[in-house]
Amino acid sequence: MGITQGLNSVLERWLPEQRLFLKSDCSTRFVRLSPSTQLVALSGTAFVFGWAIIASSILAIDAISAHGSRDQARRSQDAFEERLADLSTERDNRATEALAAQNRYSVALDQVSQMQSQLLESEARRRELETGIGAVQARLQTEIKDRADDTRSASAGTPDAQGADLQVAFDILSDELKKSADDRADAVKVAADARRTADAATLERDQVIARNDEILTQIEDAVTISVKPFDDMFRSVGMNPDKVLSTIREGYSGEGGPLNPVSYSSSGNAQIGQGEAKAQEIMITLDKVNSYRIAAEKMPLAMPVKAAFRYTSPFGRRWGRGHEGIDMAAPIGTSVFATGDGTITYAGWQRGYGNLIKIQHELGTETRYGHLSKIKVKVGQKVSRGSLIGAMGNTGRSTGPHLHYEVRVNGNAVNPMTFIKAAQNVF
């Protein structure tokens, strides 16, 4: 009492004693508000006001950071997809250029082959003409000698028809030999030009193949890097990536259509075969990425609450018992959304959970949403990721309005934060 009176006397200068009068028809009463009572009331009011400011700041910071992380992940994904599209377009362009260079190379080879054939024919013709000319010259020499030794008694003015015929033949052979020599020179020139064209086409083809191989290597590195986050994501949530891929491929394995005969190139088989092998490896990796993307779309990776909220209880031990989910606190009526595509298997009251919704997803995953104030879906209904399914409440075993969110894999409860963080790391 002495301490209280001393405190009141100290506070009297700033908080003088107040009296609250309560008047009725027959009497008048009053309540004394001592300085210490006023101090306690003011302190409590200041504490409540400060707590409200701090809680609001935390909720705002959480909302801003979550929105910024999603935007950054979306920008990173868009940039990666744009870079992959550019590389694919450049690869297609280089493949078209390689095909054109291959065609030009084949045409040049055909021209060289034709020129070589013409050159060989011209050479054979020249040899034949040279042989014929030699025979004619030998015959002419024999005829001239026989003519000189012929009887001098023959008339000098008689024309030698046989010598004239040989002279005509000799002239014809000379003309043909000159023409063949000219044709051979032209053929040699054309063959040299064709050979230079073929060498240029070969160089261009090799450059295109090298560039195409470089592009394929870049694409291979890009798709290989893109696979690792998916592997890490599925392993972090306790799922076997190989089994996930096997399940997805079983559901997406249709094929068919008419088949065309396979065509083969007669030249450049080694380079083209190597490029096709690398392209096949890229297609296999891209198929793996696509299968992972399909699996990710079927898993509950989204946030169940899009409005501002506060994490109030993590996954794990709590109050000596296992807490098989996470708690997100926000005002009653805050919208709750499905975190993945699935089917409603339960929508009603369940002890402890209050109003509860269960959604069965593919790949053996299930999500639960407890303590709801409203349920806006029915059993058997198909829902998509982001579909509105209910509203946050305070039903069941609850100390305040919040959402109890669970994720189960093959019936076993896992930490939902691993799914949420995995989605942020990948997307």
Protein backbone atom coordinates (compact mmCIF):
# COMPACT_ATOMS: atom_id res chain seq x y z
CA MET A 1 0.00 0.00 0.00
CA GLY A 2 2.85 2.34 0.75
CA ILE A 3 4.44 1.68 -2.64
CA THR A 4 1.09 2.21 -4.40
CA GLN A 5 0.47 5.51 -2.57
CA GLY A 6 4.02 6.66 -3.37
CA LEU A 7 3.53 5.81 -7.05
CA ASN A 8 0.19 7.65 -7.12
CA SER A 9 1.76 10.72 -5.54
CA VAL A 10 4.55 10.70 -8.20
CA LEU A 11 2.08 10.29 -11.07
CA GLU A 12 -0.31 12.88 -9.65
CA ARG A 13 1.45 15.69 -11.57
CA TRP A 14 0.85 14.09 -14.99
CA LEU A 15 -2.20 11.91 -14.31
CA PRO A 16 -4.39 13.57 -11.68
CA GLU A 17 -7.04 11.43 -10.04
CA GLN A 18 -10.29 11.24 -12.01
CA ARG A 19 -13.79 10.37 -10.85
CA LEU A 20 -16.48 8.85 -13.04
CA PHE A 21 -19.97 9.67 -11.68
CA LEU A 22 -22.84 7.21 -12.25
CA LYS A 23 -26.20 8.81 -11.53
CA SER A 24 -29.53 6.97 -11.20
CA ASP A 25 -33.02 8.06 -10.23
CA CYS A 26 -32.51 7.53 -6.54
CA SER A 27 -28.76 7.73 -6.00
CA THR A 28 -25.45 8.91 -7.34
CA ARG A 29 -22.27 6.83 -7.34
CA PHE A 30 -18.77 7.45 -8.59
CA VAL A 31 -15.72 5.40 -9.55
CA ARG A 32 -12.25 6.62 -8.66
CA LEU A 33 -9.54 6.34 -11.33
CA SER A 34 -6.24 6.65 -9.52
CA PRO A 35 -3.06 7.70 -11.37
CA SER A 36 -1.73 4.11 -11.31
CA THR A 37 -4.99 2.78 -12.77
CA GLN A 38 -4.83 5.38 -15.53
CA LEU A 39 -1.16 4.43 -16.21
CA VAL A 40 -2.08 0.75 -16.51
CA ALA A 41 -4.96 1.59 -18.89
CA LEU A 42 -2.75 3.82 -21.05
CA SER A 43 0.05 1.22 -21.12
CA GLY A 44 -2.39 -1.49 -22.20
CA THR A 45 -3.80 0.75 -24.93
CA ALA A 46 -0.29 1.60 -26.20
CA PHE A 47 0.72 -2.09 -26.18
CA VAL A 48 -2.37 -3.13 -28.19
CA PHE A 49 -1.79 -0.27 -30.67
CA GLY A 50 1.92 -1.15 -31.09
CA TRP A 51 1.14 -4.86 -31.52
CA ALA A 52 -1.39 -3.98 -34.26
CA ILE A 53 1.20 -1.85 -36.09
CA ILE A 54 3.88 -4.60 -35.89
CA ALA A 55 1.49 -7.36 -37.05
CA SER A 56 0.30 -5.25 -39.97
CA SER A 57 3.92 -4.52 -40.98
CA ILE A 58 4.81 -8.23 -40.89
CA LEU A 59 1.80 -9.14 -43.05
CA ALA A 60 2.65 -6.38 -45.55
CA ILE A 61 6.32 -7.43 -45.75
CA ASP A 62 5.36 -11.10 -46.26
CA ALA A 63 2.93 -10.17 -49.04
CA ILE A 64 5.46 -7.94 -50.81
CA SER A 65 8.29 -10.51 -50.58
CA ALA A 66 6.05 -13.36 -51.83
CA HIS A 67 4.81 -11.26 -54.75
CA GLY A 68 8.39 -10.22 -55.64
CA SER A 69 9.62 -13.84 -55.58
CA ARG A 70 6.82 -14.98 -57.89
CA ASP A 71 7.48 -12.12 -60.31
CA GLN A 72 11.22 -12.85 -60.36
CA ALA A 73 10.61 -16.56 -60.96
CA ARG A 74 8.14 -15.76 -63.74
CA ARG A 75 10.63 -13.40 -65.39
CA SER A 76 13.38 -16.02 -65.16
CA GLN A 77 11.14 -18.65 -66.72
CA ASP A 78 10.07 -16.29 -69.54
CA ALA A 79 13.72 -15.39 -70.26
CA PHE A 80 14.74 -19.07 -70.34
CA GLU A 81 11.85 -19.98 -72.68
CA GLU A 82 12.67 -17.04 -74.95
CA ARG A 83 16.36 -18.02 -75.07
CA LEU A 84 15.42 -21.65 -75.81
CA ALA A 85 13.08 -20.51 -78.61
CA ASP A 86 15.84 -18.35 -80.10
CA LEU A 87 18.28 -21.24 -80.00
CA SER A 88 15.72 -23.54 -81.63
CA THR A 89 15.05 -21.00 -84.39
CA GLU A 90 18.77 -20.51 -84.99
CA ARG A 91 19.26 -24.29 -85.03
CA ASP A 92 16.50 -24.64 -87.67
CA ASN A 93 18.07 -21.88 -89.76
CA ARG A 94 21.49 -23.53 -89.58
CA ALA A 95 19.95 -26.88 -90.47
CA THR A 96 18.32 -25.28 -93.53
CA GLU A 97 21.64 -23.70 -94.51
CA ALA A 98 23.42 -27.04 -94.03
CA LEU A 99 20.87 -28.75 -96.28
CA ALA A 100 21.26 -26.05 -98.94
CA ALA A 101 25.06 -26.31 -98.73
CA GLN A 102 24.79 -30.09 -99.01
CA ASN A 103 22.63 -29.73 -102.12
CA ARG A 104 25.08 -27.25 -103.66
CA TYR A 105 27.93 -29.60 -102.82
CA SER A 106 26.12 -32.51 -104.51
CA VAL A 107 25.43 -30.40 -107.62
CA ALA A 108 29.09 -29.33 -107.75
CA LEU A 109 30.19 -32.95 -107.43
CA ASP A 110 27.88 -33.93 -110.29
CA GLN A 111 29.30 -31.14 -112.43
CA VAL A 112 32.87 -32.21 -111.62
CA SER A 113 31.96 -35.80 -112.50
CA GLN A 114 30.46 -34.71 -115.80
CA MET A 115 33.47 -32.53 -116.61
CA GLN A 116 35.82 -35.37 -115.79
CA SER A 117 33.84 -37.70 -118.03
CA GLN A 118 33.96 -35.20 -120.87
CA LEU A 119 37.68 -34.71 -120.28
CA LEU A 120 38.30 -38.46 -120.44
CA GLU A 121 36.22 -38.76 -123.60
CA SER A 122 38.12 -35.84 -125.19
CA GLU A 123 41.44 -37.42 -124.21
CA ALA A 124 40.41 -40.77 -125.70
CA ARG A 125 39.24 -39.06 -128.87
CA ARG A 126 42.51 -37.15 -129.10
CA ARG A 127 44.48 -40.35 -128.77
CA GLU A 128 42.40 -41.99 -131.46
CA LEU A 129 42.92 -39.04 -133.76
CA GLU A 130 46.67 -39.01 -133.07
CA THR A 131 46.82 -42.71 -133.86
CA GLY A 132 44.83 -42.14 -137.05
CA ILE A 133 47.03 -39.22 -138.09
CA GLY A 134 50.15 -41.33 -137.50
CA ALA A 135 48.75 -44.08 -139.67
CA VAL A 136 47.78 -41.59 -142.39
CA GLN A 137 51.22 -39.98 -142.27
CA ALA A 138 52.94 -43.36 -142.57
CA ARG A 139 50.70 -44.27 -145.48
CA LEU A 140 51.35 -40.90 -147.14
CA GLN A 141 55.12 -41.43 -146.84
CA THR A 142 54.77 -44.89 -148.36
CA GLU A 143 52.65 -43.57 -151.18
CA ILE A 144 55.09 -40.73 -151.90
CA LYS A 145 57.99 -43.17 -152.04
CA ASP A 146 56.05 -45.53 -154.29
CA ARG A 147 55.06 -42.62 -156.47
CA ALA A 148 58.72 -41.52 -156.83
CA ASP A 149 59.79 -45.04 -157.75
CA ASP A 150 56.87 -45.42 -160.17
CA THR A 151 57.63 -45.70 -163.76
CA ARG A 152 58.69 -42.46 -165.27
CA SER A 153 56.99 -43.42 -168.45
CA ALA A 154 53.55 -42.61 -166.99
CA SER A 155 52.17 -39.34 -168.03
CA ALA A 156 53.20 -36.58 -165.66
CA GLY A 157 49.81 -34.87 -166.06
CA THR A 158 47.71 -37.94 -164.92
CA PRO A 159 46.03 -37.14 -161.50
CA ASP A 160 46.75 -39.53 -158.64
CA ALA A 161 43.26 -40.15 -157.23
CA GLN A 162 44.55 -42.20 -154.30
CA GLY A 163 46.94 -39.48 -153.16
CA ALA A 164 44.18 -36.90 -153.38
CA ASP A 165 41.91 -39.03 -151.18
CA LEU A 166 44.64 -39.38 -148.60
CA GLN A 167 45.23 -35.65 -148.59
CA VAL A 168 41.54 -35.00 -147.99
CA ALA A 169 41.50 -37.52 -145.15
CA PHE A 170 44.56 -35.93 -143.66
CA ASP A 171 42.90 -32.50 -143.73
CA ILE A 172 39.77 -33.85 -142.06
CA LEU A 173 41.77 -35.55 -139.33
CA SER A 174 43.78 -32.37 -138.75
CA ASP A 175 40.58 -30.39 -138.30
CA GLU A 176 39.14 -32.97 -135.92
CA LEU A 177 42.36 -33.03 -133.91
CA LYS A 178 42.35 -29.25 -133.56
CA LYS A 179 38.71 -29.29 -132.52
CA SER A 180 39.39 -32.02 -129.98
CA ALA A 181 42.32 -30.06 -128.58
CA ASP A 182 40.11 -26.98 -128.22
CA ASP A 183 37.35 -29.06 -126.56
CA ARG A 184 39.87 -30.58 -124.18
CA ALA A 185 41.17 -27.15 -123.15
CA ASP A 186 37.59 -25.95 -122.52
CA ALA A 187 36.79 -29.10 -120.54
CA VAL A 188 39.92 -28.64 -118.40
CA LYS A 189 38.91 -25.05 -117.65
CA VAL A 190 35.31 -25.99 -116.77
CA ALA A 191 36.54 -28.87 -114.60
CA ALA A 192 38.88 -26.52 -112.73
CA ASP A 193 36.02 -24.06 -112.13
CA ALA A 194 33.75 -26.85 -110.98
CA ARG A 195 36.45 -28.13 -108.62
CA ARG A 196 36.85 -24.68 -107.08
CA THR A 197 33.07 -24.44 -106.70
CA ALA A 198 33.01 -27.86 -105.03
CA ASP A 199 35.82 -26.85 -102.66
CA ALA A 200 33.95 -23.67 -101.72
CA ALA A 201 30.74 -25.63 -101.18
CA THR A 202 32.63 -28.14 -99.03
CA LEU A 203 34.11 -25.35 -96.89
CA GLU A 204 30.71 -23.70 -96.50
CA ARG A 205 29.12 -27.02 -95.59
CA ASP A 206 31.79 -27.70 -92.96
CA GLN A 207 31.29 -24.21 -91.46
CA VAL A 208 27.51 -24.69 -91.34
CA ILE A 209 27.92 -28.12 -89.75
CA ALA A 210 30.32 -26.68 -87.15
CA ARG A 211 27.93 -23.84 -86.34
CA ASN A 212 25.02 -26.23 -86.18
CA ASP A 213 27.00 -28.45 -83.82
CA GLU A 214 27.75 -25.43 -81.62
CA ILE A 215 24.06 -24.50 -81.49
CA LEU A 216 23.11 -28.08 -80.68
CA THR A 217 25.68 -28.05 -77.87
CA GLN A 218 24.21 -24.83 -76.43
CA ILE A 219 20.69 -26.25 -76.60
CA GLU A 220 21.89 -29.49 -75.01
CA ASP A 221 23.51 -27.57 -72.14
CA ALA A 222 20.37 -25.43 -71.66
CA VAL A 223 17.95 -28.36 -71.49
CA THR A 224 20.34 -30.35 -69.29
CA ILE A 225 20.52 -27.45 -66.82
CA SER A 226 16.71 -27.13 -66.89
CA VAL A 227 16.26 -30.76 -65.80
CA LYS A 228 18.18 -30.47 -62.51
CA PRO A 229 15.69 -28.14 -60.71
CA PHE A 230 12.88 -30.60 -61.47
CA ASP A 231 14.96 -33.52 -60.14
CA ASP A 232 15.74 -31.57 -56.97
CA MET A 233 12.11 -30.51 -56.57
CA PHE A 234 10.67 -34.03 -56.73
CA ARG A 235 13.40 -35.43 -54.49
CA SER A 236 12.85 -32.64 -51.94
CA VAL A 237 9.15 -33.57 -51.61
CA GLY A 238 9.97 -37.26 -51.14
CA MET A 239 9.06 -38.51 -54.63
CA ASN A 240 11.16 -40.68 -56.94
CA PRO A 241 11.74 -38.74 -60.20
CA ASP A 242 12.08 -41.96 -62.22
CA LYS A 243 8.71 -43.24 -61.01
CA VAL A 244 7.14 -39.83 -61.70
CA LEU A 245 8.45 -39.86 -65.29
CA SER A 246 7.29 -43.47 -65.78
CA THR A 247 3.78 -42.61 -64.57
CA ILE A 248 3.53 -39.56 -66.81
CA ARG A 249 4.78 -41.43 -69.88
CA GLU A 250 2.27 -44.22 -69.34
CA GLY A 251 -0.53 -41.68 -69.53
CA TYR A 252 0.96 -39.77 -72.49
CA SER A 253 2.22 -42.55 -74.78
CA GLY A 254 -0.08 -42.42 -77.83
CA GLU A 255 1.50 -42.50 -81.30
CA GLY A 256 0.59 -43.40 -84.90
CA GLY A 257 0.11 -42.05 -88.39
CA PRO A 258 1.43 -43.01 -91.83
CA LEU A 259 5.14 -43.67 -92.21
CA ASN A 260 7.37 -42.52 -95.06
CA PRO A 261 10.43 -44.38 -96.31
CA VAL A 262 13.72 -43.42 -94.75
CA SER A 263 16.08 -41.57 -97.09
CA TYR A 264 19.88 -41.58 -96.81
CA SER A 265 22.46 -39.16 -98.06
CA SER A 266 25.33 -40.44 -100.19
CA SER A 267 27.86 -37.98 -98.78
CA GLY A 268 28.70 -36.46 -95.40
CA ASN A 269 27.21 -39.41 -93.49
CA ALA A 270 29.64 -39.13 -90.57
CA GLN A 271 28.94 -35.45 -89.86
CA ILE A 272 25.18 -35.74 -90.35
CA GLY A 273 25.04 -38.92 -88.25
CA GLN A 274 26.84 -37.21 -85.39
CA GLY A 275 24.49 -34.20 -85.58
CA GLU A 276 21.45 -36.45 -85.65
CA ALA A 277 22.72 -38.34 -82.61
CA LYS A 278 23.16 -35.11 -80.66
CA ALA A 279 19.74 -33.87 -81.80
CA GLN A 280 18.26 -37.17 -80.64
CA GLU A 281 19.85 -36.72 -77.21
CA ILE A 282 18.41 -33.20 -77.02
CA MET A 283 14.95 -34.51 -77.96
CA ILE A 284 15.20 -37.13 -75.21
CA THR A 285 16.15 -34.47 -72.64
CA LEU A 286 13.39 -32.14 -73.88
CA ASP A 287 10.91 -35.00 -73.54
CA LYS A 288 12.13 -35.45 -69.95
CA VAL A 289 11.66 -31.73 -69.26
CA ASN A 290 8.19 -31.82 -70.82
CA SER A 291 7.23 -34.85 -68.72
CA TYR A 292 8.46 -33.06 -65.61
CA ARG A 293 6.42 -30.00 -66.61
CA ILE A 294 3.28 -32.13 -66.97
CA ALA A 295 3.94 -33.74 -63.58
CA ALA A 296 4.51 -30.32 -61.96
CA GLU A 297 1.19 -29.09 -63.37
CA LYS A 298 -0.56 -32.03 -61.69
CA MET A 299 1.07 -31.50 -58.28
CA PRO A 300 -0.17 -29.13 -55.56
CA LEU A 301 2.51 -26.45 -55.87
CA ALA A 302 0.42 -23.26 -55.62
CA MET A 303 -0.37 -21.21 -52.49
CA PRO A 304 -3.76 -21.95 -50.91
CA VAL A 305 -4.07 -18.33 -49.72
CA LYS A 306 -3.41 -15.40 -52.06
CA ALA A 307 -4.30 -12.59 -49.65
CA ALA A 308 -2.02 -11.32 -46.87
CA PHE A 309 -1.58 -13.89 -44.07
CA ARG A 310 0.81 -14.90 -41.29
CA TYR A 311 2.37 -18.32 -40.61
CA THR A 312 1.34 -19.19 -37.05
CA SER A 313 2.38 -22.83 -36.73
CA PRO A 314 4.90 -24.92 -38.72
CA PHE A 315 4.91 -28.60 -39.64
CA GLY A 316 6.16 -30.99 -36.95
CA ARG A 317 5.89 -31.41 -33.19
CA ARG A 318 3.59 -29.01 -31.36
CA TRP A 319 2.41 -29.16 -27.77
CA GLY A 320 3.82 -32.68 -27.48
CA ARG A 321 1.89 -33.96 -30.51
CA GLY A 322 2.53 -34.15 -34.24
CA HIS A 323 1.22 -31.22 -36.32
CA GLU A 324 0.74 -32.66 -39.82
CA GLY A 325 0.36 -29.35 -41.67
CA ILE A 326 1.01 -25.62 -41.49
CA ASP A 327 -1.28 -22.87 -40.20
CA MET A 328 -1.90 -19.62 -42.09
CA ALA A 329 -3.75 -16.94 -40.12
CA ALA A 330 -5.92 -14.28 -41.76
CA PRO A 331 -9.40 -12.78 -41.16
CA ILE A 332 -12.50 -14.98 -41.33
CA GLY A 333 -13.84 -15.16 -44.89
CA THR A 334 -10.41 -14.97 -46.59
CA SER A 335 -10.62 -16.95 -49.84
CA VAL A 336 -9.00 -20.40 -49.98
CA PHE A 337 -7.92 -21.85 -53.34
CA ALA A 338 -7.02 -25.32 -54.64
CA THR A 339 -3.25 -25.72 -54.95
CA GLY A 340 -3.45 -28.17 -57.87
CA ASP A 341 -5.74 -30.00 -60.27
CA GLY A 342 -7.72 -32.78 -58.63
CA THR A 343 -11.03 -34.26 -57.48
CA ILE A 344 -12.93 -33.42 -54.26
CA THR A 345 -13.04 -36.57 -52.14
CA TYR A 346 -14.40 -35.02 -48.91
CA ALA A 347 -16.28 -31.79 -48.15
CA GLY A 348 -17.88 -31.54 -44.71
CA TRP A 349 -17.37 -31.59 -40.94
CA GLN A 350 -14.66 -33.76 -39.39
CA ARG A 351 -13.66 -33.87 -35.77
CA GLY A 352 -10.66 -31.67 -34.99
CA TYR A 353 -10.55 -30.21 -38.52
CA GLY A 354 -13.97 -28.54 -38.36
CA ASN A 355 -15.16 -27.83 -41.90
CA LEU A 356 -12.70 -29.83 -44.05
CA ILE A 357 -12.04 -30.25 -47.79
CA LYS A 358 -9.90 -33.08 -49.19
CA ILE A 359 -8.62 -33.00 -52.79
CA GLN A 360 -7.08 -36.06 -54.43
CA HIS A 361 -4.39 -35.15 -56.98
CA GLU A 362 -2.46 -37.36 -59.38
CA LEU A 363 0.85 -39.05 -58.57
CA GLY A 364 -0.49 -40.14 -55.18
CA THR A 365 -0.75 -36.67 -53.59
CA GLU A 366 -3.63 -35.32 -51.48
CA THR A 367 -4.26 -31.90 -49.92
CA ARG A 368 -6.45 -30.99 -46.93
CA TYR A 369 -7.93 -27.62 -45.98
CA GLY A 370 -9.27 -27.39 -42.41
CA HIS A 371 -11.11 -24.98 -40.04
CA LEU A 372 -13.07 -23.40 -42.95
CA SER A 373 -16.04 -21.11 -42.41
CA LYS A 374 -17.55 -21.92 -45.82
CA ILE A 375 -17.29 -24.88 -48.22
CA LYS A 376 -17.95 -24.00 -51.86
CA VAL A 377 -17.36 -27.39 -53.55
CA LYS A 378 -19.01 -30.84 -53.51
CA VAL A 379 -17.68 -34.39 -53.41
CA GLY A 380 -16.79 -35.66 -56.89
CA GLN A 381 -16.29 -32.18 -58.31
CA LYS A 382 -13.24 -31.58 -60.52
CA VAL A 383 -11.20 -28.50 -59.59
CA SER A 384 -8.24 -26.79 -61.22
CA ARG A 385 -5.24 -25.07 -59.71
CA GLY A 386 -6.35 -21.70 -58.38
CA SER A 387 -10.07 -22.64 -58.15
CA LEU A 388 -11.97 -21.07 -55.22
CA ILE A 389 -13.00 -23.90 -52.87
CA GLY A 390 -13.88 -22.22 -49.55
CA ALA A 391 -13.29 -19.47 -47.01
CA MET A 392 -11.04 -19.30 -43.97
CA GLY A 393 -12.72 -19.76 -40.61
CA ASN A 394 -12.41 -20.79 -36.94
CA THR A 395 -14.24 -24.12 -36.85
CA GLY A 396 -13.14 -27.33 -35.10
CA ARG A 397 -10.21 -27.40 -32.66
CA SER A 398 -8.97 -23.86 -33.28
CA THR A 399 -7.86 -20.89 -31.19
CA GLY A 400 -8.50 -18.28 -33.88
CA PRO A 401 -9.31 -17.81 -37.57
CA HIS A 402 -6.74 -19.61 -39.72
CA LEU A 403 -6.30 -22.29 -42.42
CA HIS A 404 -4.81 -25.66 -41.57
CA TYR A 405 -3.15 -26.86 -44.82
CA GLU A 406 -1.86 -30.44 -45.24
CA VAL A 407 -0.11 -32.29 -48.08
CA ARG A 408 0.04 -36.07 -48.10
CA VAL A 409 2.06 -38.30 -50.46
CA ASN A 410 0.84 -41.91 -50.67
CA GLY A 411 -1.05 -41.37 -47.41
CA ASN A 412 1.91 -39.95 -45.45
CA ALA A 413 1.90 -36.35 -44.29
CA VAL A 414 4.81 -34.25 -45.59
CA ASN A 415 5.85 -30.69 -44.94
CA PRO A 416 3.79 -28.45 -47.28
CA MET A 417 6.59 -25.86 -47.22
CA THR A 418 8.76 -28.24 -49.30
CA PHE A 419 6.16 -28.07 -52.08
CA ILE A 420 5.80 -24.29 -51.79
CA LYS A 421 9.58 -23.67 -51.77
CA ALA A 422 10.15 -26.20 -54.57
CA ALA A 423 7.64 -24.41 -56.78
CA GLN A 424 9.33 -21.07 -56.07
CA ASN A 425 12.76 -22.50 -56.97
CA VAL A 426 11.56 -24.03 -60.26
CA PHE A 427 8.99 -21.52 -61.47
